[in-house]
Amino acid sequence: MDSAGMLPDDQHQLLNRIAALHHRSLPTYLTYAKPWVPTGKEDEALVIDDIAADHHDLVERVLHELEKDDRPVHLGDFPMDYTDLNDLSLSFILNEIKIYERNLLATLEELVQWADKDGPVYRLTNIAIGMTVGHLQNLEEMGNQSPSIHS
């Protein structure tokens, strides 16, 4: 941070991007457009809510940091592509979440390289990376090897 206590513009933008990635994530979208859950698959559906809750918590932490700067924060809209998933099976959606989380991890690993090592952006990005790794491990353990559109 500079002498005024504000994040440099590049760090503010990085943090804003991390907030937007999590605020408008696929798991967060699915808390608004809940997939159909077949009987016996309720535990699998709960993992979506757990991931979305983690995303929400991270966004709150990031926003707390961003609001210190008294600058605009832009979180964007959900991608329209998400609506294509509205009528698909839970197993297919869980596979899509796995893909989303893998892509999120790659993006976060790229962004952390631009973060000031002694600043809040670096710390929060590393928290996000650890969280995403945990989500991927949980999704892998669920064993969604054969997603189908109608199961």
C-alpha atoms as a PDB file:
ATOM      1  CA  MET A   1       0.000   0.000   0.000  1.00  0.00           C
ATOM      2  CA  ASP A   2       1.160   3.537  -0.592  1.00  0.00           C
ATOM      3  CA  SER A   3       1.544   6.217   2.056  1.00  0.00           C
ATOM      4  CA  ALA A   4      -2.156   7.095   1.924  1.00  0.00           C
ATOM      5  CA  GLY A   5      -3.058   3.486   2.772  1.00  0.00           C
ATOM      6  CA  MET A   6      -4.614   2.814  -0.614  1.00  0.00           C
ATOM      7  CA  LEU A   7      -3.810  -0.075  -2.866  1.00  0.00           C
ATOM      8  CA  PRO A   8      -1.919   0.819  -6.033  1.00  0.00           C
ATOM      9  CA  ASP A   9      -4.217   0.760  -9.079  1.00  0.00           C
ATOM     10  CA  ASP A  10      -2.852  -2.533 -10.397  1.00  0.00           C
ATOM     11  CA  GLN A  11      -3.372  -4.253  -7.021  1.00  0.00           C
ATOM     12  CA  HIS A  12      -6.869  -2.780  -6.679  1.00  0.00           C
ATOM     13  CA  GLN A  13      -7.732  -4.127 -10.141  1.00  0.00           C
ATOM     14  CA  LEU A  14      -6.328  -7.581  -9.311  1.00  0.00           C
ATOM     15  CA  LEU A  15      -8.379  -7.748  -6.138  1.00  0.00           C
ATOM     16  CA  ASN A  16     -11.485  -6.559  -7.961  1.00  0.00           C
ATOM     17  CA  ARG A  17     -10.979  -9.297 -10.560  1.00  0.00           C
ATOM     18  CA  ILE A  18     -10.650 -11.952  -7.846  1.00  0.00           C
ATOM     19  CA  ALA A  19     -13.883 -10.720  -6.248  1.00  0.00           C
ATOM     20  CA  ALA A  20     -15.696 -10.793  -9.596  1.00  0.00           C
ATOM     21  CA  LEU A  21     -14.435 -14.312 -10.425  1.00  0.00           C
ATOM     22  CA  HIS A  22     -15.913 -15.611  -7.183  1.00  0.00           C
ATOM     23  CA  HIS A  23     -19.035 -13.436  -7.015  1.00  0.00           C
ATOM     24  CA  ARG A  24     -20.123 -14.434 -10.526  1.00  0.00           C
ATOM     25  CA  SER A  25     -18.898 -18.029 -10.369  1.00  0.00           C
ATOM     26  CA  LEU A  26     -20.808 -21.038 -11.637  1.00  0.00           C
ATOM     27  CA  PRO A  27     -21.376 -22.431  -8.120  1.00  0.00           C
ATOM     28  CA  THR A  28     -22.758 -19.034  -7.029  1.00  0.00           C
ATOM     29  CA  TYR A  29     -25.066 -18.940 -10.064  1.00  0.00           C
ATOM     30  CA  LEU A  30     -26.381 -22.372  -9.146  1.00  0.00           C
ATOM     31  CA  THR A  31     -27.544 -21.079  -5.771  1.00  0.00           C
ATOM     32  CA  TYR A  32     -30.017 -18.937  -7.739  1.00  0.00           C
ATOM     33  CA  ALA A  33     -30.829 -21.488 -10.465  1.00  0.00           C
ATOM     34  CA  LYS A  34     -30.814 -24.704  -8.470  1.00  0.00           C
ATOM     35  CA  PRO A  35     -30.371 -27.900 -10.491  1.00  0.00           C
ATOM     36  CA  TRP A  36     -32.841 -30.753 -10.184  1.00  0.00           C
ATOM     37  CA  VAL A  37     -31.546 -33.241  -7.624  1.00  0.00           C
ATOM     38  CA  PRO A  38     -32.544 -36.895  -7.989  1.00  0.00           C
ATOM     39  CA  THR A  39     -33.447 -38.842  -4.860  1.00  0.00           C
ATOM     40  CA  GLY A  40     -30.316 -40.088  -3.118  1.00  0.00           C
ATOM     41  CA  LYS A  41     -28.078 -37.392  -4.632  1.00  0.00           C
ATOM     42  CA  GLU A  42     -28.789 -34.670  -2.062  1.00  0.00           C
ATOM     43  CA  ASP A  43     -25.264 -34.885  -0.613  1.00  0.00           C
ATOM     44  CA  GLU A  44     -23.780 -34.269  -4.038  1.00  0.00           C
ATOM     45  CA  ALA A  45     -25.968 -31.188  -4.470  1.00  0.00           C
ATOM     46  CA  LEU A  46     -24.829 -29.847  -1.093  1.00  0.00           C
ATOM     47  CA  VAL A  47     -21.268 -29.607  -2.380  1.00  0.00           C
ATOM     48  CA  ILE A  48     -22.456 -26.866  -4.776  1.00  0.00           C
ATOM     49  CA  ASP A  49     -23.830 -24.848  -1.864  1.00  0.00           C
ATOM     50  CA  ASP A  50     -20.616 -25.400   0.114  1.00  0.00           C
ATOM     51  CA  ILE A  51     -18.442 -24.141  -2.738  1.00  0.00           C
ATOM     52  CA  ALA A  52     -20.759 -21.168  -3.305  1.00  0.00           C
ATOM     53  CA  ALA A  53     -20.621 -20.333   0.416  1.00  0.00           C
ATOM     54  CA  ASP A  54     -16.816 -20.366   0.287  1.00  0.00           C
ATOM     55  CA  HIS A  55     -16.906 -18.112  -2.776  1.00  0.00           C
ATOM     56  CA  HIS A  56     -19.272 -15.737  -0.961  1.00  0.00           C
ATOM     57  CA  ASP A  57     -17.042 -15.636   2.119  1.00  0.00           C
ATOM     58  CA  LEU A  58     -13.989 -14.856  -0.001  1.00  0.00           C
ATOM     59  CA  VAL A  59     -15.858 -12.080  -1.821  1.00  0.00           C
ATOM     60  CA  GLU A  60     -16.794 -10.548   1.543  1.00  0.00           C
ATOM     61  CA  ARG A  61     -13.145 -10.571   2.632  1.00  0.00           C
ATOM     62  CA  VAL A  62     -12.006  -9.045  -0.650  1.00  0.00           C
ATOM     63  CA  LEU A  63     -14.733  -6.386  -0.601  1.00  0.00           C
ATOM     64  CA  HIS A  64     -13.718  -5.454   2.939  1.00  0.00           C
ATOM     65  CA  GLU A  65     -10.221  -4.772   1.599  1.00  0.00           C
ATOM     66  CA  LEU A  66     -11.448  -2.958  -1.525  1.00  0.00           C
ATOM     67  CA  GLU A  67     -13.837  -0.719   0.392  1.00  0.00           C
ATOM     68  CA  LYS A  68     -10.897   0.746   2.320  1.00  0.00           C
ATOM     69  CA  ASP A  69      -9.900   2.510  -0.904  1.00  0.00           C
ATOM     70  CA  ASP A  70     -13.276   4.185  -1.442  1.00  0.00           C
ATOM     71  CA  ARG A  71     -13.042   3.433  -5.171  1.00  0.00           C
ATOM     72  CA  PRO A  72     -15.674   1.761  -7.354  1.00  0.00           C
ATOM     73  CA  VAL A  73     -15.881  -2.024  -7.339  1.00  0.00           C
ATOM     74  CA  HIS A  74     -17.205  -3.803 -10.418  1.00  0.00           C
ATOM     75  CA  LEU A  75     -18.354  -7.400  -9.979  1.00  0.00           C
ATOM     76  CA  GLY A  76     -20.029  -7.821 -13.382  1.00  0.00           C
ATOM     77  CA  ASP A  77     -22.854 -10.121 -14.402  1.00  0.00           C
ATOM     78  CA  PHE A  78     -23.183 -13.884 -14.614  1.00  0.00           C
ATOM     79  CA  PRO A  79     -22.093 -15.206 -18.021  1.00  0.00           C
ATOM     80  CA  MET A  80     -25.096 -16.003 -20.233  1.00  0.00           C
ATOM     81  CA  ASP A  81     -23.547 -19.434 -20.905  1.00  0.00           C
ATOM     82  CA  TYR A  82     -24.629 -20.504 -17.426  1.00  0.00           C
ATOM     83  CA  THR A  83     -28.268 -20.548 -18.505  1.00  0.00           C
ATOM     84  CA  ASP A  84     -27.412 -23.435 -20.858  1.00  0.00           C
ATOM     85  CA  LEU A  85     -26.975 -25.613 -17.750  1.00  0.00           C
ATOM     86  CA  ASN A  86     -30.432 -24.976 -16.304  1.00  0.00           C
ATOM     87  CA  ASP A  87     -31.996 -28.277 -17.429  1.00  0.00           C
ATOM     88  CA  LEU A  88     -29.011 -30.604 -17.267  1.00  0.00           C
ATOM     89  CA  SER A  89     -28.326 -33.435 -14.830  1.00  0.00           C
ATOM     90  CA  LEU A  90     -26.631 -32.961 -11.504  1.00  0.00           C
ATOM     91  CA  SER A  91     -23.695 -35.178 -12.512  1.00  0.00           C
ATOM     92  CA  PHE A  92     -23.140 -33.113 -15.659  1.00  0.00           C
ATOM     93  CA  ILE A  93     -23.321 -29.875 -13.674  1.00  0.00           C
ATOM     94  CA  LEU A  94     -20.865 -31.177 -11.078  1.00  0.00           C
ATOM     95  CA  ASN A  95     -18.453 -31.978 -13.889  1.00  0.00           C
ATOM     96  CA  GLU A  96     -18.907 -28.420 -15.215  1.00  0.00           C
ATOM     97  CA  ILE A  97     -18.133 -27.078 -11.738  1.00  0.00           C
ATOM     98  CA  LYS A  98     -14.963 -29.178 -11.714  1.00  0.00           C
ATOM     99  CA  ILE A  99     -13.959 -27.589 -15.026  1.00  0.00           C
ATOM    100  CA  TYR A 100     -14.831 -24.128 -13.677  1.00  0.00           C
ATOM    101  CA  GLU A 101     -12.753 -24.666 -10.529  1.00  0.00           C
ATOM    102  CA  ARG A 102      -9.766 -25.959 -12.562  1.00  0.00           C
ATOM    103  CA  ASN A 103      -9.921 -22.856 -14.758  1.00  0.00           C
ATOM    104  CA  LEU A 104     -10.329 -20.651 -11.681  1.00  0.00           C
ATOM    105  CA  LEU A 105      -7.245 -22.241 -10.123  1.00  0.00           C
ATOM    106  CA  ALA A 106      -5.189 -21.592 -13.267  1.00  0.00           C
ATOM    107  CA  THR A 107      -6.351 -17.963 -13.337  1.00  0.00           C
ATOM    108  CA  LEU A 108      -5.597 -17.439  -9.646  1.00  0.00           C
ATOM    109  CA  GLU A 109      -2.133 -18.988 -10.041  1.00  0.00           C
ATOM    110  CA  GLU A 110      -1.478 -16.513 -12.851  1.00  0.00           C
ATOM    111  CA  LEU A 111      -2.860 -13.529 -10.929  1.00  0.00           C
ATOM    112  CA  VAL A 112      -0.873 -14.244  -7.760  1.00  0.00           C
ATOM    113  CA  GLN A 113       2.308 -13.662  -9.756  1.00  0.00           C
ATOM    114  CA  TRP A 114       1.254 -10.014 -10.185  1.00  0.00           C
ATOM    115  CA  ALA A 115       0.399  -9.471  -6.526  1.00  0.00           C
ATOM    116  CA  ASP A 116       2.729  -7.531  -4.226  1.00  0.00           C
ATOM    117  CA  LYS A 117       4.229 -10.248  -2.017  1.00  0.00           C
ATOM    118  CA  ASP A 118       3.720  -8.277   1.186  1.00  0.00           C
ATOM    119  CA  GLY A 119       0.212  -7.002   0.451  1.00  0.00           C
ATOM    120  CA  PRO A 120      -3.374  -8.082   0.992  1.00  0.00           C
ATOM    121  CA  VAL A 121      -3.831  -9.122  -2.642  1.00  0.00           C
ATOM    122  CA  TYR A 122      -1.140 -11.794  -2.316  1.00  0.00           C
ATOM    123  CA  ARG A 123      -2.604 -13.085   0.951  1.00  0.00           C
ATOM    124  CA  LEU A 124      -6.189 -13.179  -0.336  1.00  0.00           C
ATOM    125  CA  THR A 125      -5.200 -14.746  -3.653  1.00  0.00           C
ATOM    126  CA  ASN A 126      -3.357 -17.513  -1.829  1.00  0.00           C
ATOM    127  CA  ILE A 127      -6.419 -18.092   0.359  1.00  0.00           C
ATOM    128  CA  ALA A 128      -8.480 -18.386  -2.831  1.00  0.00           C
ATOM    129  CA  ILE A 129      -5.961 -20.834  -4.335  1.00  0.00           C
ATOM    130  CA  GLY A 130      -6.057 -23.051  -1.243  1.00  0.00           C
ATOM    131  CA  MET A 131      -9.839 -22.959  -1.203  1.00  0.00           C
ATOM    132  CA  THR A 132     -10.038 -23.905  -4.884  1.00  0.00           C
ATOM    133  CA  VAL A 133      -7.616 -26.805  -4.430  1.00  0.00           C
ATOM    134  CA  GLY A 134      -9.839 -28.070  -1.608  1.00  0.00           C
ATOM    135  CA  HIS A 135     -12.936 -27.796  -3.783  1.00  0.00           C
ATOM    136  CA  LEU A 136     -11.281 -29.777  -6.548  1.00  0.00           C
ATOM    137  CA  GLN A 137     -10.227 -32.479  -4.097  1.00  0.00           C
ATOM    138  CA  ASN A 138     -13.796 -32.738  -2.778  1.00  0.00           C
ATOM    139  CA  LEU A 139     -15.207 -32.935  -6.303  1.00  0.00           C
ATOM    140  CA  GLU A 140     -12.690 -35.625  -7.282  1.00  0.00           C
ATOM    141  CA  GLU A 141     -13.539 -37.652  -4.187  1.00  0.00           C
ATOM    142  CA  MET A 142     -17.197 -37.616  -5.184  1.00  0.00           C
ATOM    143  CA  GLY A 143     -16.196 -39.654  -8.228  1.00  0.00           C
ATOM    144  CA  ASN A 144     -18.002 -38.005 -11.103  1.00  0.00           C
ATOM    145  CA  GLN A 145     -16.260 -40.079 -13.755  1.00  0.00           C
ATOM    146  CA  SER A 146     -19.156 -40.441 -16.160  1.00  0.00           C
ATOM    147  CA  PRO A 147     -21.318 -37.338 -16.403  1.00  0.00           C
ATOM    148  CA  SER A 148     -24.295 -37.541 -18.704  1.00  0.00           C
ATOM    149  CA  ILE A 149     -26.811 -34.949 -19.748  1.00  0.00           C
ATOM    150  CA  HIS A 150     -29.915 -36.870 -18.651  1.00  0.00           C
ATOM    151  CA  SER A 151     -28.972 -39.056 -15.676  1.00  0.00           C
END
